[in-house]
């Protein structure tokens, strides 16, 4: 009788633990982030001696992270509220069957909860074999990527961006803009590409 008491106790504890695990696992799983990007890009022929190098093969990248079916997508969205400000970091990349990667490798920065121009904004983007890395807002005629947020909550963000005269890692100068009607999809302002993300989580960190 004395020897069986600990065994019974252990069985009770194990049963309670399993029951607790079942109860905890019954909740709905967190929804994966979704991302959408409507953009155009090409070489920036406003730069002296730069030649045209082709436009974006597709104006829309949209969906949830997936390996199959192709094209492969990677999507992430992170938002941190810090007082009256909101720090964010988002990315969406699309890998086509030919291995080429297109999309926003990263857009990050800090904005107010009411939205507007993004402080310390940085943009990285992929154009197939070429890319730009960590481009901030410029001044005058220098390379720049401007970002502004139109809507933001604890779990979602919408915004716009444009880049001009930005050299990629193959020494071509790039621009990023929106898509003018009657093309579909199109953006509200043809000068600005649009991005939107939902089901965001915390962990934006510092924009670098």
Protein backbone atom coordinates (compact mmCIF):
# COMPACT_ATOMS: atom_id res chain seq x y z
CA UNK A 1 0.00 0.00 0.00
CA UNK A 2 2.79 2.39 0.88
CA UNK A 3 4.75 1.50 -2.27
CA UNK A 4 1.75 2.07 -4.54
CA UNK A 5 0.96 5.61 -3.38
CA UNK A 6 3.77 7.30 -5.34
CA UNK A 7 2.80 5.30 -8.43
CA UNK A 8 -0.79 6.45 -8.19
CA UNK A 9 0.36 10.00 -7.61
CA UNK A 10 2.61 9.89 -10.64
CA UNK A 11 -0.24 8.53 -12.74
CA UNK A 12 -2.52 11.33 -11.56
CA UNK A 13 0.08 13.97 -12.33
CA UNK A 14 0.74 12.46 -15.77
CA UNK A 15 -2.99 12.33 -16.51
CA UNK A 16 -3.45 15.95 -15.48
CA UNK A 17 -0.49 17.00 -17.63
CA UNK A 18 -1.85 15.19 -20.67
CA UNK A 19 -5.30 16.67 -20.12
CA UNK A 20 -3.76 20.14 -19.87
CA UNK A 21 -1.81 19.58 -23.06
CA UNK A 22 -4.98 18.54 -24.87
CA UNK A 23 -6.85 21.60 -23.62
CA UNK A 24 -4.02 23.95 -24.60
CA UNK A 25 -3.69 22.44 -28.09
CA UNK A 26 -7.40 22.85 -28.81
CA UNK A 27 -7.03 26.57 -29.56
CA UNK A 28 -6.81 27.70 -33.19
CA UNK A 29 -3.25 27.83 -34.54
CA UNK A 30 -1.82 31.28 -35.31
CA UNK A 31 -2.51 32.43 -38.84
CA UNK A 32 0.55 32.75 -41.08
CA UNK A 33 1.46 36.20 -42.39
CA UNK A 34 0.20 37.20 -45.81
CA UNK A 35 1.85 39.73 -48.08
CA UNK A 36 1.02 41.67 -51.22
CA UNK A 37 3.20 43.83 -53.44
CA UNK A 38 2.08 45.75 -56.54
CA UNK A 39 5.05 47.36 -58.26
CA UNK A 40 7.01 48.10 -61.39
CA UNK A 41 10.77 48.27 -61.73
CA UNK A 42 13.32 48.84 -64.46
CA UNK A 43 16.65 50.49 -65.04
CA UNK A 44 16.47 54.23 -64.36
CA UNK A 45 17.17 55.89 -67.70
CA UNK A 46 17.12 59.33 -66.06
CA UNK A 47 20.70 58.52 -64.98
CA UNK A 48 23.18 59.63 -67.69
CA UNK A 49 24.46 56.72 -69.81
CA UNK A 50 22.05 54.22 -68.25
CA UNK A 51 20.28 52.00 -70.74
CA UNK A 52 16.85 50.39 -70.42
CA UNK A 53 17.05 46.86 -69.00
CA UNK A 54 13.47 45.64 -69.00
CA UNK A 55 10.47 46.06 -66.74
CA UNK A 56 9.18 43.85 -63.94
CA UNK A 57 8.05 40.50 -65.38
CA UNK A 58 5.02 40.59 -63.07
CA UNK A 59 3.40 43.52 -61.27
CA UNK A 60 1.80 41.44 -58.49
CA UNK A 61 3.37 39.25 -55.81
CA UNK A 62 0.82 38.00 -53.31
CA UNK A 63 0.19 35.15 -50.90
CA UNK A 64 1.32 33.19 -47.84
CA UNK A 65 4.69 31.48 -47.43
CA UNK A 66 4.75 28.22 -49.38
CA UNK A 67 7.07 25.79 -51.12
CA UNK A 68 4.38 24.38 -53.43
CA UNK A 69 2.78 25.10 -55.79
CA UNK A 70 5.35 27.27 -57.58
CA UNK A 71 6.32 30.04 -57.52
CA UNK A 72 7.82 29.63 -54.05
CA UNK A 73 6.95 32.43 -51.62
CA UNK A 74 8.58 33.71 -48.44
CA UNK A 75 6.53 36.21 -46.41
CA UNK A 76 7.23 37.89 -43.08
CA UNK A 77 5.74 40.75 -41.08
CA UNK A 78 6.88 42.06 -37.69
CA UNK A 79 5.47 45.07 -35.80
CA UNK A 80 6.49 46.55 -32.43
CA UNK A 81 4.60 49.39 -30.72
CA UNK A 82 6.94 51.72 -28.81
CA UNK A 83 4.95 54.53 -27.24
CA UNK A 84 3.41 56.65 -29.98
CA UNK A 85 5.62 55.04 -32.63
CA UNK A 86 5.43 51.76 -34.50
CA UNK A 87 8.54 49.92 -35.71
CA UNK A 88 8.01 47.46 -38.55
CA UNK A 89 9.91 45.02 -40.75
CA UNK A 90 8.31 43.19 -43.68
CA UNK A 91 9.52 41.07 -46.55
CA UNK A 92 8.09 39.13 -49.48
CA UNK A 93 10.12 37.18 -52.01
CA UNK A 94 8.94 35.12 -54.95
CA UNK A 95 11.19 32.45 -56.46
CA UNK A 96 10.17 31.41 -59.93
CA UNK A 97 10.76 28.04 -61.54
CA UNK A 98 13.86 29.41 -63.28
CA UNK A 99 15.39 30.24 -59.88
CA UNK A 100 15.02 34.00 -60.23
CA UNK A 101 13.97 35.85 -57.05
CA UNK A 102 11.75 38.94 -57.18
CA UNK A 103 10.32 41.01 -54.37
CA UNK A 104 11.01 43.08 -51.31
CA UNK A 105 13.78 41.43 -49.36
CA UNK A 106 13.09 43.96 -46.60
CA UNK A 107 11.27 47.18 -45.87
CA UNK A 108 11.72 48.53 -42.37
CA UNK A 109 11.44 51.73 -40.37
CA UNK A 110 9.51 53.59 -37.70
CA UNK A 111 6.27 55.51 -38.15
CA UNK A 112 3.54 56.96 -35.97
CA UNK A 113 0.43 54.93 -35.33
CA UNK A 114 -1.46 57.43 -37.52
CA UNK A 115 0.74 56.54 -40.47
CA UNK A 116 2.75 58.83 -42.73
CA UNK A 117 6.37 59.23 -43.79
CA UNK A 118 8.64 56.55 -42.32
CA UNK A 119 11.68 57.62 -40.31
CA UNK A 120 14.96 55.69 -40.77
CA UNK A 121 13.39 53.74 -43.64
CA UNK A 122 15.46 51.11 -45.41
CA UNK A 123 14.53 49.16 -48.54
CA UNK A 124 16.12 46.02 -49.98
CA UNK A 125 14.72 44.48 -53.16
CA UNK A 126 15.45 41.66 -55.58
CA UNK A 127 15.18 41.92 -59.36
CA UNK A 128 16.08 38.42 -60.42
CA UNK A 129 19.87 38.18 -60.52
CA UNK A 130 20.37 41.74 -59.22
CA UNK A 131 19.43 43.42 -55.95
CA UNK A 132 19.63 46.62 -53.90
CA UNK A 133 20.43 46.51 -50.20
CA UNK A 134 19.40 48.78 -47.33
CA UNK A 135 18.70 51.94 -49.34
CA UNK A 136 17.41 54.88 -47.30
CA UNK A 137 15.73 58.17 -48.12
CA UNK A 138 18.04 60.41 -50.14
CA UNK A 139 18.16 64.08 -50.98
CA UNK A 140 18.63 66.05 -54.16
CA UNK A 141 19.53 63.89 -57.14
CA UNK A 142 21.17 61.04 -55.18
CA UNK A 143 19.91 57.46 -54.86
CA UNK A 144 16.91 57.10 -52.57
CA UNK A 145 14.00 54.91 -51.53
CA UNK A 146 11.06 56.72 -49.94
CA UNK A 147 8.55 54.85 -47.77
CA UNK A 148 5.26 55.95 -46.26
CA UNK A 149 2.69 54.02 -44.24
CA UNK A 150 -1.01 54.49 -44.96
CA UNK A 151 -2.49 52.11 -42.36
CA UNK A 152 -1.01 50.25 -39.41
CA UNK A 153 -2.37 48.18 -36.52
CA UNK A 154 -0.78 45.73 -34.09
CA UNK A 155 -1.07 42.96 -36.69
CA UNK A 156 -1.27 44.61 -40.13
CA UNK A 157 0.39 47.30 -42.20
CA UNK A 158 -0.16 48.97 -45.57
CA UNK A 159 2.15 51.40 -47.27
CA UNK A 160 3.79 52.76 -50.39
CA UNK A 161 7.36 53.06 -51.63
CA UNK A 162 9.34 54.37 -54.54
CA UNK A 163 13.04 54.26 -55.41
CA UNK A 164 15.09 56.24 -57.93
CA UNK A 165 18.68 56.26 -59.17
CA UNK A 166 19.64 53.32 -56.94
CA UNK A 167 22.63 51.25 -58.11
CA UNK A 168 22.16 47.50 -57.81
CA UNK A 169 24.95 45.00 -57.15
CA UNK A 170 25.56 44.63 -60.89
CA UNK A 171 26.14 48.40 -61.29
CA UNK A 172 22.87 49.15 -63.04
CA UNK A 173 20.70 52.00 -61.76
CA UNK A 174 17.19 50.99 -60.69
CA UNK A 175 13.85 52.60 -60.09
CA UNK A 176 10.77 51.23 -58.30
CA UNK A 177 7.32 52.70 -58.92
CA UNK A 178 3.66 51.74 -59.00
CA UNK A 179 1.50 50.53 -61.88
CA UNK A 180 -0.70 52.91 -63.86
CA UNK A 181 -4.24 52.04 -65.01
CA UNK A 182 -5.63 50.47 -67.14
CA UNK A 183 -3.18 47.72 -66.15
CA UNK A 184 -4.54 45.27 -63.59
CA UNK A 185 -3.58 45.28 -60.84
CA UNK A 186 -2.74 48.98 -60.64
CA UNK A 187 -1.80 51.33 -57.80
CA UNK A 188 -3.58 54.44 -56.53
CA UNK A 189 -0.60 56.56 -57.59
CA UNK A 190 1.54 55.29 -60.51
CA UNK A 191 4.60 56.87 -58.87
CA UNK A 192 4.29 54.69 -55.76
CA UNK A 193 4.41 50.91 -55.41
CA UNK A 194 2.06 49.48 -52.77
CA UNK A 195 2.57 46.79 -50.13
CA UNK A 196 0.25 45.29 -47.51
CA UNK A 197 0.74 42.60 -44.86
CA UNK A 198 -1.54 40.90 -42.34
CA UNK A 199 -1.20 38.49 -39.40
CA UNK A 200 1.97 40.25 -38.22
CA UNK A 201 3.76 39.34 -34.99
CA UNK A 202 6.22 41.18 -32.74
CA UNK A 203 9.97 41.17 -33.34
CA UNK A 204 10.64 44.04 -35.74
CA UNK A 205 13.90 44.93 -34.03
CA UNK A 206 16.04 47.85 -35.12
CA UNK A 207 15.96 48.94 -38.76
CA UNK A 208 19.43 48.48 -40.18
